[in-house]
C-alpha cells in the first residue's frame, strides 16, 4: 500500500513538471551566454517562486485525490505523505529549474532570450508576472472541476486499449 501511495504521489509530481524528463536527453551543452540569458529570464519571471506556487496549488487537490483513492490510509500516513511532499518541494523546484535551463537555452535563440529578458525586466513585464499567480488561483477551480471528466476519459481510453475488466478480475482482494 505504501509503495502505491509513494508511486501515486511521485507520478503526479512528475506529470506536473515534465521539464526534468526533457532535460535528460543527451544534448550538447548550451553556450555560457545562453545559460546566462536563461538565468536572467528565470530571475525576471520569478521562475522558482512560480513553480513553487504551482506545486503548492496542486498539492492539496492531489492529496485529496490520494485520500479519496486510498480511504484506508490512517490520518498519520496521510499527514506523512503531505509532509513529505512539502519538505521535498524546495529541492525538487531547484533541480527542475536547473534541468530547465538547457531546455530553454536549446529552444530559444540569443535574440529571443535577450528580448524576453528586456521585456520581463520592464514595469509592464513585472506587472504581468505579478498577476500570473492571481490568474492561476482563479483558474484552479475550473481546472479541478474538469479533472474528474479528464480522469474518466483517460480511463475510458486506456480500457479501450487494454482489457480493464480482466485486470479487475485478476486483482487480489
N, C-alpha and C. Protein backbone atom coordinates (compact mmCIF):
# COMPACT_ATOMS: atom_id res chain seq x y z
N UNK A 1 0.82 -1.20 0.00
CA UNK A 1 0.00 0.00 0.00
C UNK A 1 0.87 1.26 0.00
N UNK A 2 1.88 1.26 0.88
CA UNK A 2 2.74 2.45 0.95
C UNK A 2 3.46 2.68 -0.37
N UNK A 3 3.88 1.58 -1.03
CA UNK A 3 4.54 1.72 -2.33
C UNK A 3 3.59 2.34 -3.35
N UNK A 4 2.32 1.94 -3.29
CA UNK A 4 1.32 2.51 -4.20
C UNK A 4 1.16 4.00 -3.94
N UNK A 5 1.09 4.39 -2.68
CA UNK A 5 0.95 5.79 -2.32
C UNK A 5 2.15 6.60 -2.81
N UNK A 6 3.34 6.07 -2.56
CA UNK A 6 4.55 6.77 -2.99
C UNK A 6 4.57 6.90 -4.51
N UNK A 7 4.22 5.83 -5.22
CA UNK A 7 4.20 5.88 -6.68
C UNK A 7 3.17 6.89 -7.18
N UNK A 8 2.00 6.92 -6.54
CA UNK A 8 0.96 7.88 -6.92
C UNK A 8 1.43 9.31 -6.75
N UNK A 9 2.00 9.61 -5.59
CA UNK A 9 2.44 10.97 -5.30
C UNK A 9 3.57 11.37 -6.23
N UNK A 10 4.57 10.51 -6.36
CA UNK A 10 5.71 10.84 -7.23
C UNK A 10 5.29 10.94 -8.70
N UNK A 11 4.41 10.05 -9.12
CA UNK A 11 3.94 10.10 -10.50
C UNK A 11 3.20 11.38 -10.80
N UNK A 12 2.37 11.81 -9.87
CA UNK A 12 1.63 13.06 -10.07
C UNK A 12 2.57 14.25 -10.15
N UNK A 13 3.61 14.26 -9.33
CA UNK A 13 4.57 15.36 -9.35
C UNK A 13 5.31 15.39 -10.69
N UNK A 14 5.71 14.21 -11.18
CA UNK A 14 6.44 14.17 -12.44
C UNK A 14 5.57 14.55 -13.62
N UNK A 15 4.31 14.16 -13.57
CA UNK A 15 3.40 14.54 -14.65
C UNK A 15 3.24 16.05 -14.68
N UNK A 16 3.19 16.66 -13.52
CA UNK A 16 3.00 18.10 -13.45
C UNK A 16 4.22 18.88 -13.90
N UNK A 17 5.38 18.31 -13.81
CA UNK A 17 6.62 19.01 -14.12
C UNK A 17 7.48 18.22 -15.11
N UNK A 18 7.17 18.27 -16.43
CA UNK A 18 7.88 17.45 -17.40
C UNK A 18 9.27 17.94 -17.80
N UNK A 19 9.68 19.10 -17.39
CA UNK A 19 10.97 19.63 -17.82
C UNK A 19 12.13 18.74 -17.42
N UNK A 20 12.05 18.07 -16.29
CA UNK A 20 13.15 17.21 -15.86
C UNK A 20 13.37 16.09 -16.87
N UNK A 21 12.28 15.48 -17.32
CA UNK A 21 12.41 14.39 -18.27
C UNK A 21 12.98 14.87 -19.59
N UNK A 22 12.56 16.05 -20.05
CA UNK A 22 13.07 16.58 -21.30
C UNK A 22 14.56 16.88 -21.23
N UNK A 23 15.03 17.30 -20.07
CA UNK A 23 16.44 17.67 -19.93
C UNK A 23 17.36 16.46 -19.89
N UNK A 24 16.81 15.26 -19.79
CA UNK A 24 17.60 14.06 -19.72
C UNK A 24 18.25 13.71 -21.06
N UNK A 25 17.70 14.19 -22.15
CA UNK A 25 18.23 13.88 -23.47
C UNK A 25 19.66 14.38 -23.60
N UNK A 26 20.48 13.62 -24.31
CA UNK A 26 21.88 13.98 -24.47
C UNK A 26 22.01 15.09 -25.52
N UNK A 27 21.97 16.30 -25.08
CA UNK A 27 22.10 17.47 -25.95
C UNK A 27 23.46 18.10 -25.67
N UNK A 28 24.03 18.76 -26.67
CA UNK A 28 25.27 19.49 -26.39
C UNK A 28 25.01 20.60 -25.38
N UNK A 29 26.00 20.89 -24.57
CA UNK A 29 25.85 21.93 -23.55
C UNK A 29 25.59 23.28 -24.22
N UNK A 30 24.65 24.05 -23.68
CA UNK A 30 24.38 25.37 -24.26
C UNK A 30 25.55 26.32 -23.97
N UNK A 31 25.64 27.36 -24.74
CA UNK A 31 26.69 28.35 -24.54
C UNK A 31 26.51 29.05 -23.21
N UNK A 32 27.60 29.56 -22.68
CA UNK A 32 27.55 30.32 -21.42
C UNK A 32 26.65 31.54 -21.56
N UNK A 33 26.66 32.15 -22.75
CA UNK A 33 25.81 33.31 -22.99
C UNK A 33 24.33 32.95 -22.87
N UNK A 34 23.94 31.83 -23.49
CA UNK A 34 22.54 31.42 -23.43
C UNK A 34 22.14 31.03 -22.00
N UNK A 35 23.02 30.34 -21.31
CA UNK A 35 22.73 29.95 -19.92
C UNK A 35 22.50 31.21 -19.08
N UNK A 36 23.37 32.21 -19.26
CA UNK A 36 23.22 33.46 -18.50
C UNK A 36 21.91 34.16 -18.85
N UNK A 37 21.54 34.15 -20.12
CA UNK A 37 20.28 34.78 -20.54
C UNK A 37 19.07 34.04 -19.97
N UNK A 38 19.12 32.72 -19.96
CA UNK A 38 18.01 31.94 -19.39
C UNK A 38 17.90 32.21 -17.89
N UNK A 39 19.02 32.23 -17.20
CA UNK A 39 19.00 32.51 -15.76
C UNK A 39 18.44 33.91 -15.50
N UNK A 40 18.81 34.85 -16.35
CA UNK A 40 18.28 36.21 -16.22
C UNK A 40 16.78 36.21 -16.44
N UNK A 41 16.33 35.47 -17.44
CA UNK A 41 14.90 35.35 -17.72
C UNK A 41 14.17 34.71 -16.54
N UNK A 42 14.71 33.59 -16.04
CA UNK A 42 14.09 32.92 -14.90
C UNK A 42 14.00 33.86 -13.70
N UNK A 43 15.03 34.66 -13.49
CA UNK A 43 15.01 35.62 -12.40
C UNK A 43 13.92 36.68 -12.64
N UNK A 44 13.84 37.17 -13.87
CA UNK A 44 12.86 38.21 -14.19
C UNK A 44 11.42 37.72 -14.03
N UNK A 45 11.18 36.45 -14.37
CA UNK A 45 9.81 35.93 -14.27
C UNK A 45 9.56 35.22 -12.93
N UNK A 46 10.55 35.25 -12.06
CA UNK A 46 10.42 34.63 -10.73
C UNK A 46 10.06 33.15 -10.89
N UNK A 47 10.84 32.47 -11.74
CA UNK A 47 10.57 31.09 -12.13
C UNK A 47 10.43 30.15 -10.94
N UNK A 48 11.40 30.17 -10.03
CA UNK A 48 11.34 29.24 -8.90
C UNK A 48 10.13 29.51 -8.01
N UNK A 49 9.84 30.79 -7.78
CA UNK A 49 8.67 31.12 -6.96
C UNK A 49 7.38 30.68 -7.67
N UNK A 50 7.35 30.86 -9.00
CA UNK A 50 6.17 30.48 -9.77
C UNK A 50 5.97 28.96 -9.71
N UNK A 51 7.06 28.20 -9.86
CA UNK A 51 6.95 26.75 -9.80
C UNK A 51 6.55 26.28 -8.41
N UNK A 52 7.08 26.92 -7.38
CA UNK A 52 6.71 26.59 -6.01
C UNK A 52 5.21 26.87 -5.82
N UNK A 53 4.73 27.98 -6.33
CA UNK A 53 3.31 28.30 -6.24
C UNK A 53 2.44 27.26 -6.93
N UNK A 54 2.88 26.82 -8.09
CA UNK A 54 2.12 25.81 -8.82
C UNK A 54 2.05 24.51 -8.02
N UNK A 55 3.20 24.07 -7.52
CA UNK A 55 3.23 22.84 -6.73
C UNK A 55 2.35 23.00 -5.48
N UNK A 56 2.46 24.15 -4.83
CA UNK A 56 1.65 24.39 -3.63
C UNK A 56 0.16 24.42 -3.95
N UNK A 57 -0.20 24.87 -5.15
CA UNK A 57 -1.61 24.90 -5.53
C UNK A 57 -2.14 23.51 -5.84
N UNK A 58 -1.32 22.68 -6.49
CA UNK A 58 -1.82 21.36 -6.89
C UNK A 58 -1.73 20.32 -5.78
N UNK A 59 -0.87 20.56 -4.80
CA UNK A 59 -0.68 19.56 -3.74
C UNK A 59 -1.97 19.26 -2.98
N UNK A 60 -2.73 20.25 -2.51
CA UNK A 60 -3.97 19.89 -1.79
C UNK A 60 -4.95 19.07 -2.64
N UNK A 61 -5.09 19.43 -3.89
CA UNK A 61 -6.01 18.68 -4.77
C UNK A 61 -5.48 17.28 -5.00
N UNK A 62 -4.17 17.17 -5.19
CA UNK A 62 -3.56 15.86 -5.40
C UNK A 62 -3.74 15.00 -4.15
N UNK A 63 -3.53 15.60 -2.98
CA UNK A 63 -3.67 14.84 -1.74
C UNK A 63 -5.12 14.47 -1.48
N UNK A 64 -6.05 15.33 -1.89
CA UNK A 64 -7.48 14.99 -1.76
C UNK A 64 -7.80 13.77 -2.62
N UNK A 65 -7.20 13.72 -3.80
CA UNK A 65 -7.41 12.57 -4.69
C UNK A 65 -6.79 11.30 -4.07
N UNK A 66 -5.61 11.45 -3.46
CA UNK A 66 -4.99 10.32 -2.78
C UNK A 66 -5.89 9.83 -1.65
N UNK A 67 -6.43 10.77 -0.89
CA UNK A 67 -7.32 10.42 0.23
C UNK A 67 -8.56 9.68 -0.29
N UNK A 68 -9.11 10.18 -1.39
CA UNK A 68 -10.30 9.56 -1.98
C UNK A 68 -9.99 8.16 -2.53
N UNK A 69 -8.85 8.03 -3.18
CA UNK A 69 -8.46 6.76 -3.79
C UNK A 69 -8.00 5.73 -2.77
N UNK A 70 -7.53 6.21 -1.62
CA UNK A 70 -6.98 5.31 -0.60
C UNK A 70 -7.58 5.65 0.77
N UNK A 71 -8.87 5.37 0.94
CA UNK A 71 -9.51 5.72 2.21
C UNK A 71 -8.96 4.92 3.40
N UNK A 72 -8.23 3.84 3.11
CA UNK A 72 -7.67 3.03 4.18
C UNK A 72 -6.46 3.67 4.88
N UNK A 73 -5.94 4.75 4.28
CA UNK A 73 -4.80 5.42 4.91
C UNK A 73 -5.21 6.01 6.25
N UNK A 74 -4.35 5.84 7.21
CA UNK A 74 -4.61 6.47 8.50
C UNK A 74 -4.31 7.96 8.37
N UNK A 75 -4.82 8.72 9.31
CA UNK A 75 -4.53 10.16 9.31
C UNK A 75 -3.03 10.40 9.40
N UNK A 76 -2.34 9.58 10.18
CA UNK A 76 -0.89 9.71 10.33
C UNK A 76 -0.17 9.45 9.02
N UNK A 77 -0.57 8.41 8.29
CA UNK A 77 0.04 8.11 6.99
C UNK A 77 -0.24 9.21 5.98
N UNK A 78 -1.48 9.69 5.98
CA UNK A 78 -1.85 10.76 5.05
C UNK A 78 -1.05 12.02 5.35
N UNK A 79 -0.93 12.38 6.61
CA UNK A 79 -0.16 13.56 7.00
C UNK A 79 1.31 13.38 6.66
N UNK A 80 1.83 12.18 6.83
CA UNK A 80 3.23 11.90 6.50
C UNK A 80 3.47 12.10 5.00
N UNK A 81 2.53 11.66 4.17
CA UNK A 81 2.66 11.85 2.72
C UNK A 81 2.62 13.33 2.37
N UNK A 82 1.71 14.06 2.97
CA UNK A 82 1.60 15.51 2.73
C UNK A 82 2.88 16.21 3.17
N UNK A 83 3.39 15.86 4.35
CA UNK A 83 4.62 16.47 4.86
C UNK A 83 5.81 16.15 3.94
N UNK A 84 5.88 14.91 3.47
CA UNK A 84 6.99 14.51 2.60
C UNK A 84 7.01 15.35 1.32
N UNK A 85 5.83 15.57 0.76
CA UNK A 85 5.75 16.41 -0.45
C UNK A 85 6.19 17.83 -0.14
N UNK A 86 5.67 18.39 0.92
CA UNK A 86 6.02 19.76 1.30
C UNK A 86 7.52 19.90 1.52
N UNK A 87 8.12 18.95 2.23
CA UNK A 87 9.55 19.01 2.52
C UNK A 87 10.40 18.84 1.27
N UNK A 88 9.93 18.07 0.32
CA UNK A 88 10.70 17.80 -0.89
C UNK A 88 10.58 18.89 -1.95
N UNK A 89 9.58 19.73 -1.83
CA UNK A 89 9.28 20.71 -2.87
C UNK A 89 10.47 21.62 -3.19
N UNK A 90 11.13 22.15 -2.18
CA UNK A 90 12.24 23.08 -2.43
C UNK A 90 13.34 22.46 -3.26
N UNK A 91 13.79 21.27 -2.88
CA UNK A 91 14.83 20.58 -3.65
C UNK A 91 14.35 20.25 -5.05
N UNK A 92 13.10 19.81 -5.15
CA UNK A 92 12.53 19.45 -6.44
C UNK A 92 12.51 20.66 -7.38
N UNK A 93 12.08 21.80 -6.87
CA UNK A 93 11.99 23.02 -7.68
C UNK A 93 13.39 23.44 -8.14
N UNK A 94 14.36 23.38 -7.25
CA UNK A 94 15.74 23.75 -7.62
C UNK A 94 16.26 22.83 -8.73
N UNK A 95 16.06 21.53 -8.57
CA UNK A 95 16.51 20.57 -9.60
C UNK A 95 15.75 20.78 -10.91
N UNK A 96 14.44 21.06 -10.80
CA UNK A 96 13.66 21.29 -12.01
C UNK A 96 14.12 22.56 -12.73
N UNK A 97 14.43 23.59 -11.94
CA UNK A 97 14.93 24.83 -12.53
C UNK A 97 16.24 24.58 -13.25
N UNK A 98 17.17 23.92 -12.58
CA UNK A 98 18.47 23.61 -13.19
C UNK A 98 18.31 22.77 -14.45
N UNK A 99 17.38 21.81 -14.41
CA UNK A 99 17.14 20.95 -15.58
C UNK A 99 16.44 21.71 -16.70
N UNK A 100 15.72 22.77 -16.37
CA UNK A 100 15.00 23.55 -17.38
C UNK A 100 15.91 24.50 -18.15
N UNK A 101 17.00 24.92 -17.54
CA UNK A 101 17.90 25.89 -18.19
C UNK A 101 18.37 25.41 -19.56
N UNK A 102 18.93 24.19 -19.69
CA UNK A 102 19.37 23.78 -21.02
C UNK A 102 18.22 23.61 -22.01
N UNK A 103 17.03 23.30 -21.51
CA UNK A 103 15.87 23.16 -22.41
C UNK A 103 15.54 24.52 -23.02
N UNK A 104 15.44 25.54 -22.18
CA UNK A 104 15.15 26.88 -22.68
C UNK A 104 16.28 27.38 -23.58
N UNK A 105 17.52 27.10 -23.18
CA UNK A 105 18.68 27.54 -23.97
C UNK A 105 18.68 26.88 -25.34
N UNK A 106 18.20 25.66 -25.42
CA UNK A 106 18.15 24.95 -26.70
C UNK A 106 17.02 25.47 -27.58
N UNK A 107 15.90 25.79 -26.99
CA UNK A 107 14.71 26.18 -27.75
C UNK A 107 14.80 27.62 -28.26
N UNK A 108 15.25 28.53 -27.40
CA UNK A 108 15.24 29.95 -27.75
C UNK A 108 16.60 30.42 -28.24
N UNK A 109 16.57 31.36 -29.18
CA UNK A 109 17.79 31.96 -29.70
C UNK A 109 18.30 33.03 -28.72
N UNK A 110 19.53 33.44 -28.92
CA UNK A 110 20.09 34.52 -28.10
C UNK A 110 19.22 35.76 -28.23
N UNK A 111 18.80 36.08 -29.45
CA UNK A 111 17.96 37.27 -29.66
C UNK A 111 16.64 37.14 -28.91
N UNK A 112 16.00 35.98 -28.99
CA UNK A 112 14.72 35.79 -28.29
C UNK A 112 14.90 35.91 -26.78
N UNK A 113 15.92 35.27 -26.26
CA UNK A 113 16.17 35.33 -24.82
C UNK A 113 16.45 36.76 -24.38
N UNK A 114 17.21 37.48 -25.17
CA UNK A 114 17.53 38.88 -24.85
C UNK A 114 16.24 39.71 -24.81
N UNK A 115 15.39 39.54 -25.81
CA UNK A 115 14.13 40.29 -25.85
C UNK A 115 13.20 39.90 -24.70
N UNK A 116 13.18 38.60 -24.37
CA UNK A 116 12.36 38.16 -23.24
C UNK A 116 12.87 38.80 -21.95
N UNK A 117 14.18 38.79 -21.76
CA UNK A 117 14.77 39.42 -20.57
C UNK A 117 14.41 40.89 -20.52
N UNK A 118 14.61 41.57 -21.63
CA UNK A 118 14.33 43.01 -21.67
C UNK A 118 12.87 43.29 -21.32
N UNK A 119 11.96 42.49 -21.89
CA UNK A 119 10.54 42.73 -21.63
C UNK A 119 10.18 42.45 -20.17
N UNK A 120 10.55 41.27 -19.66
CA UNK A 120 10.12 40.90 -18.32
C UNK A 120 10.81 41.69 -17.22
N UNK A 121 11.86 42.41 -17.56
CA UNK A 121 12.50 43.30 -16.59
C UNK A 121 11.86 44.69 -16.58
N UNK A 122 10.95 44.98 -17.52
CA UNK A 122 10.26 46.26 -17.56
C UNK A 122 9.14 46.28 -16.52
N UNK A 123 8.64 47.47 -16.18
CA UNK A 123 7.49 47.53 -15.26
C UNK A 123 6.27 46.75 -15.77
N UNK A 124 6.02 46.81 -17.08
CA UNK A 124 4.88 46.07 -17.64
C UNK A 124 5.11 44.57 -17.49
N UNK A 125 6.30 44.11 -17.82
CA UNK A 125 6.62 42.69 -17.68
C UNK A 125 6.50 42.22 -16.24
N UNK A 126 6.98 43.02 -15.32
CA UNK A 126 6.87 42.68 -13.89
C UNK A 126 5.41 42.70 -13.42
N UNK A 127 4.62 43.65 -13.95
CA UNK A 127 3.21 43.70 -13.60
C UNK A 127 2.49 42.44 -14.08
N UNK A 128 2.81 42.01 -15.28
CA UNK A 128 2.21 40.79 -15.82
C UNK A 128 2.57 39.60 -14.92
N UNK A 129 3.85 39.49 -14.58
CA UNK A 129 4.28 38.37 -13.76
C UNK A 129 3.65 38.41 -12.36
N UNK A 130 3.43 39.60 -11.85
CA UNK A 130 2.78 39.73 -10.54
C UNK A 130 1.34 39.26 -10.58
N UNK A 131 0.71 39.30 -11.75
CA UNK A 131 -0.69 38.90 -11.89
C UNK A 131 -0.87 37.43 -12.23
N UNK A 132 0.20 36.76 -12.64
CA UNK A 132 0.10 35.35 -13.01
C UNK A 132 -0.41 34.49 -11.85
N UNK A 133 0.09 34.66 -10.62
CA UNK A 133 -0.44 33.83 -9.53
C UNK A 133 -1.94 34.02 -9.32
N UNK A 134 -2.42 35.27 -9.44
CA UNK A 134 -3.85 35.52 -9.29
C UNK A 134 -4.64 34.82 -10.38
N UNK A 135 -4.13 34.90 -11.62
CA UNK A 135 -4.81 34.22 -12.73
C UNK A 135 -4.83 32.71 -12.49
N UNK A 136 -3.71 32.18 -12.04
CA UNK A 136 -3.63 30.74 -11.76
C UNK A 136 -4.60 30.35 -10.66
N UNK A 137 -4.66 31.16 -9.62
CA UNK A 137 -5.56 30.89 -8.50
C UNK A 137 -7.01 30.89 -8.96
N UNK A 138 -7.36 31.84 -9.81
CA UNK A 138 -8.73 31.91 -10.31
C UNK A 138 -9.07 30.77 -11.26
N UNK A 139 -8.05 30.26 -11.96
CA UNK A 139 -8.27 29.15 -12.89
C UNK A 139 -8.35 27.80 -12.19
N UNK A 140 -7.73 27.69 -11.01
CA UNK A 140 -7.65 26.40 -10.33
C UNK A 140 -9.00 25.73 -10.12
N UNK A 141 -10.04 26.43 -9.66
CA UNK A 141 -11.34 25.74 -9.51
C UNK A 141 -11.87 25.18 -10.84
N UNK A 142 -11.64 25.90 -11.92
CA UNK A 142 -12.09 25.42 -13.23
C UNK A 142 -11.32 24.17 -13.62
N UNK A 143 -10.01 24.21 -13.44
CA UNK A 143 -9.17 23.05 -13.76
C UNK A 143 -9.59 21.85 -12.91
N UNK A 144 -9.79 22.08 -11.62
CA UNK A 144 -10.16 20.98 -10.73
C UNK A 144 -11.55 20.43 -11.08
N UNK A 145 -12.45 21.30 -11.51
CA UNK A 145 -13.78 20.84 -11.92
C UNK A 145 -13.71 19.97 -13.18
N UNK A 146 -12.72 20.24 -14.02
CA UNK A 146 -12.55 19.46 -15.25
C UNK A 146 -11.83 18.12 -15.01
N UNK A 147 -11.14 17.99 -13.90
CA UNK A 147 -10.32 16.79 -13.65
C UNK A 147 -11.11 15.48 -13.61
N UNK A 148 -12.27 15.39 -12.95
CA UNK A 148 -12.98 14.10 -12.95
C UNK A 148 -13.32 13.63 -14.37
N UNK A 149 -13.78 14.54 -15.22
CA UNK A 149 -14.08 14.16 -16.61
C UNK A 149 -12.81 13.74 -17.34
N UNK A 150 -11.72 14.46 -17.10
CA UNK A 150 -10.44 14.12 -17.72
C UNK A 150 -10.00 12.73 -17.27
N UNK A 151 -10.06 12.47 -15.97
CA UNK A 151 -9.64 11.16 -15.45
C UNK A 151 -10.52 10.05 -16.01
N UNK A 152 -11.83 10.29 -16.09
CA UNK A 152 -12.74 9.29 -16.65
C UNK A 152 -12.43 9.04 -18.11
N UNK A 153 -12.11 10.11 -18.84
CA UNK A 153 -11.78 9.96 -20.26
C UNK A 153 -10.48 9.18 -20.43
N UNK A 154 -9.49 9.47 -19.60
CA UNK A 154 -8.23 8.72 -19.67
C UNK A 154 -8.50 7.24 -19.40
N UNK A 155 -9.28 6.95 -18.36
CA UNK A 155 -9.58 5.56 -18.03
C UNK A 155 -10.33 4.88 -19.17
N UNK A 156 -11.31 5.57 -19.75
CA UNK A 156 -12.08 5.00 -20.86
C UNK A 156 -11.16 4.69 -22.04
N UNK A 157 -10.28 5.63 -22.37
CA UNK A 157 -9.35 5.41 -23.48
C UNK A 157 -8.36 4.30 -23.18
N UNK A 158 -7.90 4.24 -21.93
CA UNK A 158 -6.98 3.18 -21.53
C UNK A 158 -7.67 1.83 -21.63
N UNK A 159 -8.89 1.75 -21.13
CA UNK A 159 -9.63 0.49 -21.17
C UNK A 159 -9.98 0.07 -22.59
N UNK A 160 -10.04 1.03 -23.52
CA UNK A 160 -10.25 0.69 -24.92
C UNK A 160 -8.98 0.07 -25.52
N UNK A 161 -7.84 0.36 -24.90
CA UNK A 161 -6.56 -0.15 -25.40
C UNK A 161 -6.15 -1.45 -24.70
N UNK A 162 -6.53 -1.57 -23.43
CA UNK A 162 -6.24 -2.80 -22.68
C UNK A 162 -7.53 -3.26 -22.04
N UNK A 163 -7.62 -4.51 -21.71
CA UNK A 163 -8.84 -5.06 -21.12
C UNK A 163 -8.84 -4.80 -19.62
N UNK A 164 -9.50 -3.72 -19.21
CA UNK A 164 -9.55 -3.34 -17.78
C UNK A 164 -10.35 -4.35 -16.97
N UNK A 165 -11.36 -4.96 -17.57
CA UNK A 165 -12.18 -5.90 -16.81
C UNK A 165 -11.35 -7.12 -16.42
N UNK A 166 -10.43 -7.55 -17.27
CA UNK A 166 -9.56 -8.67 -16.95
C UNK A 166 -8.60 -8.29 -15.82
N UNK A 167 -8.14 -7.05 -15.81
CA UNK A 167 -7.24 -6.59 -14.76
C UNK A 167 -7.97 -6.58 -13.41
N UNK A 168 -9.24 -6.12 -13.40
CA UNK A 168 -10.01 -6.11 -12.16
C UNK A 168 -10.27 -7.51 -11.66
N UNK A 169 -10.55 -8.43 -12.59
CA UNK A 169 -10.84 -9.81 -12.21
C UNK A 169 -9.63 -10.50 -11.59
N UNK A 170 -8.42 -10.13 -12.05
CA UNK A 170 -7.19 -10.74 -11.54
C UNK A 170 -6.63 -10.03 -10.33
N UNK A 171 -7.23 -8.92 -9.94
CA UNK A 171 -6.73 -8.13 -8.82
C UNK A 171 -7.00 -8.86 -7.51
N UNK A 172 -5.94 -9.00 -6.67
CA UNK A 172 -6.16 -9.68 -5.38
C UNK A 172 -7.06 -8.83 -4.48
N UNK A 173 -7.86 -9.49 -3.71
CA UNK A 173 -8.80 -8.79 -2.83
C UNK A 173 -8.14 -8.22 -1.61
